Amino acid sequence: MRILKNPIRKQDLINSSTNFIDENTIKAAVDIERQIIAVDAPMHYDCEQLLLENGSNQTDIWGINLYLDEDSIDDMVEFDSMINIRPAQNNRSRSVENLETQAQIKTVVSKWII
């Protein structure tokens, strides 16, 4: 589990990851305010905690799954995590319901995973 410090190729992320959901799929958490991403943990919660320990605010962190064998960002990012259930932020499901937030997450992922 780590916060990416430099952009990484998908294949290099596959080669260096150890916590796969299934073949070539990992969990991640994105801080949309700071535009950083934590990857490769057994649970989204673990990535979230790493970001919190490194100065992120919980309201800015969203959990995703990354399908690293997909070519398009729309196919690579799945907005499904228990940490996304936030009634106080009007997000009542495991998915990220706000389309603007989804777009912000995709921007961050595109910045770090090439």
PDB file of N, CA and C in Angstrom:
ATOM      1  N   MET A   1       0.855  -1.175   0.000  1.00  0.00           N
ATOM      2  CA  MET A   1       0.000   0.000   0.000  1.00  0.00           C
ATOM      3  C   MET A   1       0.896   1.231   0.000  1.00  0.00           C
ATOM      4  N   ARG A   2       0.523   2.184  -0.860  1.00  0.00           N
ATOM      5  CA  ARG A   2       1.344   3.393  -0.926  1.00  0.00           C
ATOM      6  C   ARG A   2       0.575   4.529  -1.592  1.00  0.00           C
ATOM      7  N   ILE A   3       1.039   5.744  -1.311  1.00  0.00           N
ATOM      8  CA  ILE A   3       0.580   6.914  -2.035  1.00  0.00           C
ATOM      9  C   ILE A   3       1.546   7.100  -3.195  1.00  0.00           C
ATOM     10  N   LEU A   4       1.016   7.219  -4.383  1.00  0.00           N
ATOM     11  CA  LEU A   4       1.884   7.393  -5.534  1.00  0.00           C
ATOM     12  C   LEU A   4       2.578   8.750  -5.461  1.00  0.00           C
ATOM     13  N   LYS A   5       3.869   8.750  -5.697  1.00  0.00           N
ATOM     14  CA  LYS A   5       4.683   9.965  -5.683  1.00  0.00           C
ATOM     15  C   LYS A   5       5.047  10.412  -7.088  1.00  0.00           C
ATOM     16  N   ASN A   6       5.000   9.473  -8.017  1.00  0.00           N
ATOM     17  CA  ASN A   6       5.289   9.737  -9.422  1.00  0.00           C
ATOM     18  C   ASN A   6       4.263   8.990 -10.262  1.00  0.00           C
ATOM     19  N   PRO A   7       3.932   9.511 -11.448  1.00  0.00           N
ATOM     20  CA  PRO A   7       3.043   8.755 -12.333  1.00  0.00           C
ATOM     21  C   PRO A   7       3.633   7.372 -12.616  1.00  0.00           C
ATOM     22  N   ILE A   8       2.744   6.407 -12.784  1.00  0.00           N
ATOM     23  CA  ILE A   8       3.185   5.031 -12.994  1.00  0.00           C
ATOM     24  C   ILE A   8       2.395   4.405 -14.141  1.00  0.00           C
ATOM     25  N   ARG A   9       3.083   3.636 -14.938  1.00  0.00           N
ATOM     26  CA  ARG A   9       2.418   2.887 -16.005  1.00  0.00           C
ATOM     27  C   ARG A   9       1.562   1.784 -15.388  1.00  0.00           C
ATOM     28  N   LYS A  10       0.451   1.490 -16.039  1.00  0.00           N
ATOM     29  CA  LYS A  10      -0.450   0.453 -15.520  1.00  0.00           C
ATOM     30  C   LYS A  10       0.279  -0.872 -15.337  1.00  0.00           C
ATOM     31  N   GLN A  11       1.091  -1.248 -16.319  1.00  0.00           N
ATOM     32  CA  GLN A  11       1.802  -2.529 -16.222  1.00  0.00           C
ATOM     33  C   GLN A  11       2.765  -2.542 -15.033  1.00  0.00           C
ATOM     34  N   ASP A  12       3.435  -1.427 -14.780  1.00  0.00           N
ATOM     35  CA  ASP A  12       4.334  -1.346 -13.625  1.00  0.00           C
ATOM     36  C   ASP A  12       3.555  -1.427 -12.315  1.00  0.00           C
ATOM     37  N   LEU A  13       2.366  -0.852 -12.295  1.00  0.00           N
ATOM     38  CA  LEU A  13       1.524  -0.945 -11.095  1.00  0.00           C
ATOM     39  C   LEU A  13       1.055  -2.385 -10.889  1.00  0.00           C
ATOM     40  N   ILE A  14       0.718  -3.047 -11.969  1.00  0.00           N
ATOM     41  CA  ILE A  14       0.341  -4.469 -11.877  1.00  0.00           C
ATOM     42  C   ILE A  14       1.517  -5.277 -11.331  1.00  0.00           C
ATOM     43  N   ASN A  15       2.695  -5.037 -11.858  1.00  0.00           N
ATOM     44  CA  ASN A  15       3.882  -5.794 -11.452  1.00  0.00           C
ATOM     45  C   ASN A  15       4.267  -5.540  -9.999  1.00  0.00           C
ATOM     46  N   SER A  16       3.981  -4.354  -9.481  1.00  0.00           N
ATOM     47  CA  SER A  16       4.405  -4.014  -8.115  1.00  0.00           C
ATOM     48  C   SER A  16       3.318  -4.192  -7.063  1.00  0.00           C
ATOM     49  N   SER A  17       2.105  -4.474  -7.474  1.00  0.00           N
ATOM     50  CA  SER A  17       0.998  -4.614  -6.518  1.00  0.00           C
ATOM     51  C   SER A  17       0.944  -6.018  -5.936  1.00  0.00           C
ATOM     52  N   THR A  18       0.408  -6.108  -4.728  1.00  0.00           N
ATOM     53  CA  THR A  18       0.298  -7.406  -4.051  1.00  0.00           C
ATOM     54  C   THR A  18      -1.118  -7.707  -3.558  1.00  0.00           C
ATOM     55  N   ASN A  19      -2.000  -6.738  -3.577  1.00  0.00           N
ATOM     56  CA  ASN A  19      -3.350  -6.909  -3.023  1.00  0.00           C
ATOM     57  C   ASN A  19      -4.406  -6.812  -4.114  1.00  0.00           C
ATOM     58  N   PHE A  20      -4.465  -7.826  -4.954  1.00  0.00           N
ATOM     59  CA  PHE A  20      -5.415  -7.825  -6.060  1.00  0.00           C
ATOM     60  C   PHE A  20      -6.784  -8.297  -5.604  1.00  0.00           C
ATOM     61  N   ILE A  21      -7.828  -7.627  -6.120  1.00  0.00           N
ATOM     62  CA  ILE A  21      -9.203  -8.089  -5.922  1.00  0.00           C
ATOM     63  C   ILE A  21      -9.396  -9.339  -6.769  1.00  0.00           C
ATOM     64  N   ASP A  22      -9.010  -9.207  -8.011  1.00  0.00           N
ATOM     65  CA  ASP A  22      -8.903 -10.333  -8.935  1.00  0.00           C
ATOM     66  C   ASP A  22      -7.790  -9.967  -9.908  1.00  0.00           C
ATOM     67  N   GLU A  23      -7.631 -10.700 -10.940  1.00  0.00           N
ATOM     68  CA  GLU A  23      -6.504 -10.465 -11.846  1.00  0.00           C
ATOM     69  C   GLU A  23      -6.501  -9.027 -12.371  1.00  0.00           C
ATOM     70  N   ASN A  24      -5.433  -8.289 -12.074  1.00  0.00           N
ATOM     71  CA  ASN A  24      -5.204  -6.929 -12.558  1.00  0.00           C
ATOM     72  C   ASN A  24      -6.185  -5.874 -12.033  1.00  0.00           C
ATOM     73  N   THR A  25      -6.835  -6.141 -10.904  1.00  0.00           N
ATOM     74  CA  THR A  25      -7.750  -5.176 -10.293  1.00  0.00           C
ATOM     75  C   THR A  25      -7.318  -4.921  -8.855  1.00  0.00           C
ATOM     76  N   ILE A  26      -7.161  -3.626  -8.513  1.00  0.00           N
ATOM     77  CA  ILE A  26      -6.749  -3.263  -7.162  1.00  0.00           C
ATOM     78  C   ILE A  26      -7.690  -2.206  -6.587  1.00  0.00           C
ATOM     79  N   LYS A  27      -7.637  -2.076  -5.277  1.00  0.00           N
ATOM     80  CA  LYS A  27      -8.395  -1.043  -4.576  1.00  0.00           C
ATOM     81  C   LYS A  27      -7.530   0.209  -4.454  1.00  0.00           C
ATOM     82  N   ALA A  28      -8.202   1.354  -4.421  1.00  0.00           N
ATOM     83  CA  ALA A  28      -7.502   2.627  -4.287  1.00  0.00           C
ATOM     84  C   ALA A  28      -8.427   3.621  -3.601  1.00  0.00           C
ATOM     85  N   ALA A  29      -7.845   4.709  -3.129  1.00  0.00           N
ATOM     86  CA  ALA A  29      -8.605   5.838  -2.616  1.00  0.00           C
ATOM     87  C   ALA A  29      -7.985   7.103  -3.168  1.00  0.00           C
ATOM     88  N   VAL A  30      -8.851   8.032  -3.560  1.00  0.00           N
ATOM     89  CA  VAL A  30      -8.432   9.271  -4.213  1.00  0.00           C
ATOM     90  C   VAL A  30      -8.820  10.460  -3.348  1.00  0.00           C
ATOM     91  N   ASP A  31      -7.876  11.360  -3.144  1.00  0.00           N
ATOM     92  CA  ASP A  31      -8.152  12.651  -2.510  1.00  0.00           C
ATOM     93  C   ASP A  31      -8.331  13.651  -3.645  1.00  0.00           C
ATOM     94  N   ILE A  32      -9.585  14.060  -3.880  1.00  0.00           N
ATOM     95  CA  ILE A  32      -9.868  14.926  -5.021  1.00  0.00           C
ATOM     96  C   ILE A  32      -9.395  16.360  -4.788  1.00  0.00           C
ATOM     97  N   GLU A  33      -9.243  16.777  -3.552  1.00  0.00           N
ATOM     98  CA  GLU A  33      -8.765  18.131  -3.266  1.00  0.00           C
ATOM     99  C   GLU A  33      -7.257  18.242  -3.478  1.00  0.00           C
ATOM    100  N   ARG A  34      -6.516  17.304  -2.926  1.00  0.00           N
ATOM    101  CA  ARG A  34      -5.046  17.329  -3.028  1.00  0.00           C
ATOM    102  C   ARG A  34      -4.552  16.662  -4.309  1.00  0.00           C
ATOM    103  N   GLN A  35      -5.455  16.001  -5.016  1.00  0.00           N
ATOM    104  CA  GLN A  35      -5.164  15.298  -6.263  1.00  0.00           C
ATOM    105  C   GLN A  35      -4.066  14.254  -6.089  1.00  0.00           C
ATOM    106  N   ILE A  36      -4.267  13.397  -5.092  1.00  0.00           N
ATOM    107  CA  ILE A  36      -3.347  12.285  -4.858  1.00  0.00           C
ATOM    108  C   ILE A  36      -4.138  10.992  -4.760  1.00  0.00           C
ATOM    109  N   ILE A  37      -3.415   9.883  -4.854  1.00  0.00           N
ATOM    110  CA  ILE A  37      -4.060   8.573  -4.845  1.00  0.00           C
ATOM    111  C   ILE A  37      -3.227   7.588  -4.040  1.00  0.00           C
ATOM    112  N   ALA A  38      -3.912   6.806  -3.208  1.00  0.00           N
ATOM    113  CA  ALA A  38      -3.293   5.691  -2.492  1.00  0.00           C
ATOM    114  C   ALA A  38      -3.796   4.411  -3.149  1.00  0.00           C
ATOM    115  N   VAL A  39      -2.892   3.462  -3.339  1.00  0.00           N
ATOM    116  CA  VAL A  39      -3.228   2.242  -4.084  1.00  0.00           C
ATOM    117  C   VAL A  39      -2.742   0.990  -3.360  1.00  0.00           C
ATOM    118  N   ASP A  40      -3.332  -0.139  -3.777  1.00  0.00           N
ATOM    119  CA  ASP A  40      -2.836  -1.467  -3.432  1.00  0.00           C
ATOM    120  C   ASP A  40      -2.940  -1.804  -1.949  1.00  0.00           C
ATOM    121  N   ALA A  41      -4.162  -1.789  -1.446  1.00  0.00           N
ATOM    122  CA  ALA A  41      -4.408  -2.201  -0.063  1.00  0.00           C
ATOM    123  C   ALA A  41      -5.486  -3.286  -0.065  1.00  0.00           C
ATOM    124  N   PRO A  42      -5.544  -4.073   1.011  1.00  0.00           N
ATOM    125  CA  PRO A  42      -6.586  -5.093   1.080  1.00  0.00           C
ATOM    126  C   PRO A  42      -8.001  -4.503   1.099  1.00  0.00           C
ATOM    127  N   MET A  43      -8.138  -3.314   1.703  1.00  0.00           N
ATOM    128  CA  MET A  43      -9.445  -2.661   1.830  1.00  0.00           C
ATOM    129  C   MET A  43      -9.306  -1.187   1.455  1.00  0.00           C
ATOM    130  N   HIS A  44     -10.386  -0.606   0.920  1.00  0.00           N
ATOM    131  CA  HIS A  44     -10.377   0.830   0.628  1.00  0.00           C
ATOM    132  C   HIS A  44     -10.075   1.630   1.895  1.00  0.00           C
ATOM    133  N   TYR A  45     -10.597   1.143   3.008  1.00  0.00           N
ATOM    134  CA  TYR A  45     -10.383   1.795   4.297  1.00  0.00           C
ATOM    135  C   TYR A  45      -8.892   1.989   4.579  1.00  0.00           C
ATOM    136  N   ASP A  46      -8.075   1.010   4.235  1.00  0.00           N
ATOM    137  CA  ASP A  46      -6.633   1.110   4.473  1.00  0.00           C
ATOM    138  C   ASP A  46      -6.017   2.254   3.664  1.00  0.00           C
ATOM    139  N   CYS A  47      -6.426   2.383   2.412  1.00  0.00           N
ATOM    140  CA  CYS A  47      -5.948   3.500   1.588  1.00  0.00           C
ATOM    141  C   CYS A  47      -6.441   4.825   2.157  1.00  0.00           C
ATOM    142  N   GLU A  48      -7.687   4.838   2.574  1.00  0.00           N
ATOM    143  CA  GLU A  48      -8.254   6.051   3.185  1.00  0.00           C
ATOM    144  C   GLU A  48      -7.454   6.461   4.418  1.00  0.00           C
ATOM    145  N   GLN A  49      -7.134   5.501   5.277  1.00  0.00           N
ATOM    146  CA  GLN A  49      -6.370   5.807   6.497  1.00  0.00           C
ATOM    147  C   GLN A  49      -4.980   6.337   6.167  1.00  0.00           C
ATOM    148  N   LEU A  50      -4.338   5.769   5.158  1.00  0.00           N
ATOM    149  CA  LEU A  50      -3.023   6.250   4.744  1.00  0.00           C
ATOM    150  C   LEU A  50      -3.108   7.714   4.292  1.00  0.00           C
ATOM    151  N   LEU A  51      -4.127   8.041   3.513  1.00  0.00           N
ATOM    152  CA  LEU A  51      -4.295   9.423   3.080  1.00  0.00           C
ATOM    153  C   LEU A  51      -4.567  10.348   4.265  1.00  0.00           C
ATOM    154  N   LEU A  52      -5.405   9.902   5.202  1.00  0.00           N
ATOM    155  CA  LEU A  52      -5.699  10.711   6.390  1.00  0.00           C
ATOM    156  C   LEU A  52      -4.437  10.962   7.211  1.00  0.00           C
ATOM    157  N   GLU A  53      -3.625   9.930   7.362  1.00  0.00           N
ATOM    158  CA  GLU A  53      -2.377  10.064   8.122  1.00  0.00           C
ATOM    159  C   GLU A  53      -1.401  11.021   7.437  1.00  0.00           C
ATOM    160  N   ASN A  54      -1.618  11.260   6.143  1.00  0.00           N
ATOM    161  CA  ASN A  54      -0.734  12.133   5.384  1.00  0.00           C
ATOM    162  C   ASN A  54      -1.391  13.472   5.047  1.00  0.00           C
ATOM    163  N   GLY A  55      -2.385  13.869   5.829  1.00  0.00           N
ATOM    164  CA  GLY A  55      -2.927  15.214   5.740  1.00  0.00           C
ATOM    165  C   GLY A  55      -4.199  15.423   4.947  1.00  0.00           C
ATOM    166  N   SER A  56      -4.790  14.367   4.438  1.00  0.00           N
ATOM    167  CA  SER A  56      -6.036  14.524   3.688  1.00  0.00           C
ATOM    168  C   SER A  56      -7.220  14.703   4.633  1.00  0.00           C
ATOM    169  N   ASN A  57      -8.289  15.296   4.113  1.00  0.00           N
ATOM    170  CA  ASN A  57      -9.550  15.416   4.843  1.00  0.00           C
ATOM    171  C   ASN A  57     -10.486  14.314   4.368  1.00  0.00           C
ATOM    172  N   GLN A  58     -11.187  13.705   5.291  1.00  0.00           N
ATOM    173  CA  GLN A  58     -12.038  12.565   4.972  1.00  0.00           C
ATOM    174  C   GLN A  58     -13.093  12.900   3.924  1.00  0.00           C
ATOM    175  N   THR A  59     -13.609  14.124   3.941  1.00  0.00           N
ATOM    176  CA  THR A  59     -14.655  14.499   2.981  1.00  0.00           C
ATOM    177  C   THR A  59     -14.143  14.557   1.539  1.00  0.00           C
ATOM    178  N   ASP A  60     -12.825  14.573   1.363  1.00  0.00           N
ATOM    179  CA  ASP A  60     -12.227  14.653   0.026  1.00  0.00           C
ATOM    180  C   ASP A  60     -11.809  13.299  -0.532  1.00  0.00           C
ATOM    181  N   ILE A  61     -11.932  12.239   0.263  1.00  0.00           N
ATOM    182  CA  ILE A  61     -11.424  10.917  -0.121  1.00  0.00           C
ATOM    183  C   ILE A  61     -12.566  10.028  -0.602  1.00  0.00           C
ATOM    184  N   TRP A  62     -12.345   9.401  -1.741  1.00  0.00           N
ATOM    185  CA  TRP A  62     -13.336   8.488  -2.318  1.00  0.00           C
ATOM    186  C   TRP A  62     -12.662   7.175  -2.693  1.00  0.00           C
ATOM    187  N   GLY A  63     -13.355   6.058  -2.443  1.00  0.00           N
ATOM    188  CA  GLY A  63     -12.834   4.741  -2.745  1.00  0.00           C
ATOM    189  C   GLY A  63     -13.230   4.279  -4.134  1.00  0.00           C
ATOM    190  N   ILE A  64     -12.265   3.649  -4.816  1.00  0.00           N
ATOM    191  CA  ILE A  64     -12.510   3.131  -6.167  1.00  0.00           C
ATOM    192  C   ILE A  64     -11.804   1.789  -6.347  1.00  0.00           C
ATOM    193  N   ASN A  65     -12.210   1.091  -7.383  1.00  0.00           N
ATOM    194  CA  ASN A  65     -11.488  -0.085  -7.859  1.00  0.00           C
ATOM    195  C   ASN A  65     -10.869   0.285  -9.192  1.00  0.00           C
ATOM    196  N   LEU A  66      -9.655  -0.186  -9.413  1.00  0.00           N
ATOM    197  CA  LEU A  66      -8.942   0.096 -10.654  1.00  0.00           C
ATOM    198  C   LEU A  66      -8.756  -1.193 -11.445  1.00  0.00           C
ATOM    199  N   TYR A  67      -9.363  -1.253 -12.619  1.00  0.00           N
ATOM    200  CA  TYR A  67      -9.214  -2.374 -13.540  1.00  0.00           C
ATOM    201  C   TYR A  67      -8.055  -2.028 -14.466  1.00  0.00           C
ATOM    202  N   LEU A  68      -6.870  -2.451 -14.083  1.00  0.00           N
ATOM    203  CA  LEU A  68      -5.646  -2.010 -14.743  1.00  0.00           C
ATOM    204  C   LEU A  68      -5.423  -2.602 -16.126  1.00  0.00           C
ATOM    205  N   ASP A  69      -6.235  -3.565 -16.513  1.00  0.00           N
ATOM    206  CA  ASP A  69      -6.112  -4.125 -17.855  1.00  0.00           C
ATOM    207  C   ASP A  69      -7.040  -3.436 -18.859  1.00  0.00           C
ATOM    208  N   GLU A  70      -7.750  -2.407 -18.404  1.00  0.00           N
ATOM    209  CA  GLU A  70      -8.641  -1.648 -19.288  1.00  0.00           C
ATOM    210  C   GLU A  70      -7.899  -0.455 -19.885  1.00  0.00           C
ATOM    211  N   ASP A  71      -8.263  -0.093 -21.104  1.00  0.00           N
ATOM    212  CA  ASP A  71      -7.597   1.014 -21.789  1.00  0.00           C
ATOM    213  C   ASP A  71      -8.210   2.373 -21.473  1.00  0.00           C
ATOM    214  N   SER A  72      -9.515   2.470 -21.435  1.00  0.00           N
ATOM    215  CA  SER A  72     -10.155   3.771 -21.218  1.00  0.00           C
ATOM    216  C   SER A  72     -10.354   4.037 -19.728  1.00  0.00           C
ATOM    217  N   ILE A  73     -10.288   5.297 -19.363  1.00  0.00           N
ATOM    218  CA  ILE A  73     -10.484   5.686 -17.970  1.00  0.00           C
ATOM    219  C   ILE A  73     -11.890   5.300 -17.491  1.00  0.00           C
ATOM    220  N   ASP A  74     -12.877   5.378 -18.383  1.00  0.00           N
ATOM    221  CA  ASP A  74     -14.249   5.028 -18.003  1.00  0.00           C
ATOM    222  C   ASP A  74     -14.376   3.554 -17.636  1.00  0.00           C
ATOM    223  N   ASP A  75     -13.612   2.709 -18.304  1.00  0.00           N
ATOM    224  CA  ASP A  75     -13.647   1.279 -18.005  1.00  0.00           C
ATOM    225  C   ASP A  75     -12.712   0.912 -16.853  1.00  0.00           C
ATOM    226  N   MET A  76     -11.673   1.714 -16.654  1.00  0.00           N
ATOM    227  CA  MET A  76     -10.684   1.400 -15.620  1.00  0.00           C
ATOM    228  C   MET A  76     -11.191   1.713 -14.212  1.00  0.00           C
ATOM    229  N   VAL A  77     -11.991   2.767 -14.046  1.00  0.00           N
ATOM    230  CA  VAL A  77     -12.402   3.215 -12.716  1.00  0.00           C
ATOM    231  C   VAL A  77     -13.810   2.725 -12.395  1.00  0.00           C
ATOM    232  N   GLU A  78     -13.935   2.050 -11.263  1.00  0.00           N
ATOM    233  CA  GLU A  78     -15.231   1.634 -10.736  1.00  0.00           C
ATOM    234  C   GLU A  78     -15.434   2.348  -9.400  1.00  0.00           C
ATOM    235  N   PHE A  79     -16.536   3.071  -9.282  1.00  0.00           N
ATOM    236  CA  PHE A  79     -16.827   3.862  -8.087  1.00  0.00           C
ATOM    237  C   PHE A  79     -17.620   3.020  -7.089  1.00  0.00           C
ATOM    238  N   ASP A  80     -16.971   2.063  -6.458  1.00  0.00           N
ATOM    239  CA  ASP A  80     -17.681   1.147  -5.560  1.00  0.00           C
ATOM    240  C   ASP A  80     -16.846   0.899  -4.315  1.00  0.00           C
ATOM    241  N   SER A  81     -17.297   1.457  -3.191  1.00  0.00           N
ATOM    242  CA  SER A  81     -16.592   1.254  -1.932  1.00  0.00           C
ATOM    243  C   SER A  81     -17.500   1.605  -0.757  1.00  0.00           C
ATOM    244  N   MET A  82     -17.331   0.873   0.313  1.00  0.00           N
ATOM    245  CA  MET A  82     -18.079   1.179   1.538  1.00  0.00           C
ATOM    246  C   MET A  82     -17.726   2.564   2.082  1.00  0.00           C
ATOM    247  N   ILE A  83     -16.505   3.041   1.850  1.00  0.00           N
ATOM    248  CA  ILE A  83     -16.128   4.350   2.390  1.00  0.00           C
ATOM    249  C   ILE A  83     -16.867   5.485   1.678  1.00  0.00           C
ATOM    250  N   ASN A  84     -17.533   5.183   0.580  1.00  0.00           N
ATOM    251  CA  ASN A  84     -18.274   6.213  -0.152  1.00  0.00           C
ATOM    252  C   ASN A  84     -19.664   6.474   0.426  1.00  0.00           C
ATOM    253  N   ILE A  85     -20.122   5.657   1.339  1.00  0.00           N
ATOM    254  CA  ILE A  85     -21.437   5.871   1.946  1.00  0.00           C
ATOM    255  C   ILE A  85     -21.311   7.042   2.919  1.00  0.00           C
ATOM    256  N   ARG A  86     -21.892   8.184   2.513  1.00  0.00           N
ATOM    257  CA  ARG A  86     -21.773   9.420   3.292  1.00  0.00           C
ATOM    258  C   ARG A  86     -23.066  10.223   3.219  1.00  0.00           C
ATOM    259  N   PRO A  87     -24.013   9.892   4.036  1.00  0.00           N
ATOM    260  CA  PRO A  87     -25.265  10.658   4.024  1.00  0.00           C
ATOM    261  C   PRO A  87     -25.051  12.158   4.250  1.00  0.00           C
ATOM    262  N   ALA A  88     -24.072  12.525   5.058  1.00  0.00           N
ATOM    263  CA  ALA A  88     -23.811  13.948   5.329  1.00  0.00           C
ATOM    264  C   ALA A  88     -23.354  14.690   4.065  1.00  0.00           C
ATOM    265  N   GLN A  89     -22.805  13.968   3.097  1.00  0.00           N
ATOM    266  CA  GLN A  89     -22.390  14.555   1.826  1.00  0.00           C
ATOM    267  C   GLN A  89     -23.369  14.189   0.711  1.00  0.00           C
ATOM    268  N   ASN A  90     -24.551  13.751   1.095  1.00  0.00           N
ATOM    269  CA  ASN A  90     -25.610  13.377   0.162  1.00  0.00           C
ATOM    270  C   ASN A  90     -25.185  12.248  -0.779  1.00  0.00           C
ATOM    271  N   ASN A  91     -24.360  11.336  -0.268  1.00  0.00           N
ATOM    272  CA  ASN A  91     -23.965  10.144  -1.025  1.00  0.00           C
ATOM    273  C   ASN A  91     -24.392   8.940  -0.198  1.00  0.00           C
ATOM    274  N   ARG A  92     -25.491   8.348  -0.565  1.00  0.00           N
ATOM    275  CA  ARG A  92     -26.109   7.312   0.266  1.00  0.00           C
ATOM    276  C   ARG A  92     -25.830   5.886  -0.191  1.00  0.00           C
ATOM    277  N   SER A  93     -24.955   5.738  -1.185  1.00  0.00           N
ATOM    278  CA  SER A  93     -24.656   4.392  -1.666  1.00  0.00           C
ATOM    279  C   SER A  93     -23.151   4.181  -1.723  1.00  0.00           C
ATOM    280  N   ARG A  94     -22.760   2.968  -2.071  1.00  0.00           N
ATOM    281  CA  ARG A  94     -21.340   2.640  -2.207  1.00  0.00           C
ATOM    282  C   ARG A  94     -20.729   3.298  -3.439  1.00  0.00           C
ATOM    283  N   SER A  95     -21.556   3.702  -4.369  1.00  0.00           N
ATOM    284  CA  SER A  95     -21.086   4.356  -5.581  1.00  0.00           C
ATOM    285  C   SER A  95     -20.890   5.848  -5.314  1.00  0.00           C
ATOM    286  N   VAL A  96     -20.095   6.492  -6.148  1.00  0.00           N
ATOM    287  CA  VAL A  96     -19.973   7.950  -6.105  1.00  0.00           C
ATOM    288  C   VAL A  96     -21.092   8.475  -6.991  1.00  0.00           C
ATOM    289  N   GLU A  97     -22.089   9.109  -6.384  1.00  0.00           N
ATOM    290  CA  GLU A  97     -23.288   9.500  -7.111  1.00  0.00           C
ATOM    291  C   GLU A  97     -23.148  10.815  -7.866  1.00  0.00           C
ATOM    292  N   ASN A  98     -22.308  11.714  -7.400  1.00  0.00           N
ATOM    293  CA  ASN A  98     -22.152  13.033  -8.007  1.00  0.00           C
ATOM    294  C   ASN A  98     -21.249  12.943  -9.234  1.00  0.00           C
ATOM    295  N   LEU A  99     -21.780  13.345 -10.384  1.00  0.00           N
ATOM    296  CA  LEU A  99     -21.025  13.241 -11.639  1.00  0.00           C
ATOM    297  C   LEU A  99     -19.793  14.137 -11.648  1.00  0.00           C
ATOM    298  N   GLU A 100     -19.848  15.291 -11.011  1.00  0.00           N
ATOM    299  CA  GLU A 100     -18.678  16.167 -10.933  1.00  0.00           C
ATOM    300  C   GLU A 100     -17.573  15.508 -10.107  1.00  0.00           C
ATOM    301  N   THR A 101     -17.937  14.861  -9.015  1.00  0.00           N
ATOM    302  CA  THR A 101     -16.960  14.147  -8.195  1.00  0.00           C
ATOM    303  C   THR A 101     -16.361  12.989  -8.981  1.00  0.00           C
ATOM    304  N   GLN A 102     -17.184  12.274  -9.728  1.00  0.00           N
ATOM    305  CA  GLN A 102     -16.661  11.201 -10.583  1.00  0.00           C
ATOM    306  C   GLN A 102     -15.625  11.743 -11.564  1.00  0.00           C
ATOM    307  N   ALA A 103     -15.919  12.880 -12.176  1.00  0.00           N
ATOM    308  CA  ALA A 103     -14.988  13.477 -13.133  1.00  0.00           C
ATOM    309  C   ALA A 103     -13.687  13.886 -12.446  1.00  0.00           C
ATOM    310  N   GLN A 104     -13.777  14.426 -11.229  1.00  0.00           N
ATOM    311  CA  GLN A 104     -12.580  14.797 -10.477  1.00  0.00           C
ATOM    312  C   GLN A 104     -11.729  13.567 -10.177  1.00  0.00           C
ATOM    313  N   ILE A 105     -12.374  12.476  -9.801  1.00  0.00           N
ATOM    314  CA  ILE A 105     -11.653  11.232  -9.511  1.00  0.00           C
ATOM    315  C   ILE A 105     -10.935  10.746 -10.768  1.00  0.00           C
ATOM    316  N   LYS A 106     -11.615  10.746 -11.888  1.00  0.00           N
ATOM    317  CA  LYS A 106     -11.001  10.304 -13.144  1.00  0.00           C
ATOM    318  C   LYS A 106      -9.810  11.180 -13.513  1.00  0.00           C
ATOM    319  N   THR A 107      -9.904  12.474 -13.249  1.00  0.00           N
ATOM    320  CA  THR A 107      -8.789  13.382 -13.526  1.00  0.00           C
ATOM    321  C   THR A 107      -7.575  13.007 -12.698  1.00  0.00           C
ATOM    322  N   VAL A 108      -7.797  12.716 -11.414  1.00  0.00           N
ATOM    323  CA  VAL A 108      -6.687  12.339 -10.535  1.00  0.00           C
ATOM    324  C   VAL A 108      -6.081  11.017 -10.990  1.00  0.00           C
ATOM    325  N   VAL A 109      -6.923  10.044 -11.282  1.00  0.00           N
ATOM    326  CA  VAL A 109      -6.414   8.737 -11.735  1.00  0.00           C
ATOM    327  C   VAL A 109      -5.598   8.915 -13.010  1.00  0.00           C
ATOM    328  N   SER A 110      -6.098   9.710 -13.943  1.00  0.00           N
ATOM    329  CA  SER A 110      -5.385   9.929 -15.217  1.00  0.00           C
ATOM    330  C   SER A 110      -4.042  10.617 -15.007  1.00  0.00           C
ATOM    331  N   LYS A 111      -3.953  11.432 -13.978  1.00  0.00           N
ATOM    332  CA  LYS A 111      -2.701  12.133 -13.669  1.00  0.00           C
ATOM    333  C   LYS A 111      -1.634  11.156 -13.176  1.00  0.00           C
ATOM    334  N   TRP A 112      -2.027  10.142 -12.411  1.00  0.00           N
ATOM    335  CA  TRP A 112      -1.071   9.258 -11.756  1.00  0.00           C
ATOM    336  C   TRP A 112      -0.851   7.923 -12.447  1.00  0.00           C
ATOM    337  N   ILE A 113      -1.879   7.420 -13.129  1.00  0.00           N
ATOM    338  CA  ILE A 113      -1.753   6.100 -13.756  1.00  0.00           C
ATOM    339  C   ILE A 113      -1.828   6.287 -15.255  1.00  0.00           C
ATOM    340  N   ILE A 114      -0.713   5.990 -15.924  1.00  0.00           N
ATOM    341  CA  ILE A 114      -0.602   6.275 -17.361  1.00  0.00           C
ATOM    342  C   ILE A 114      -0.505   4.999 -18.184  1.00  0.00           C
TER     343      ILE A 114
END
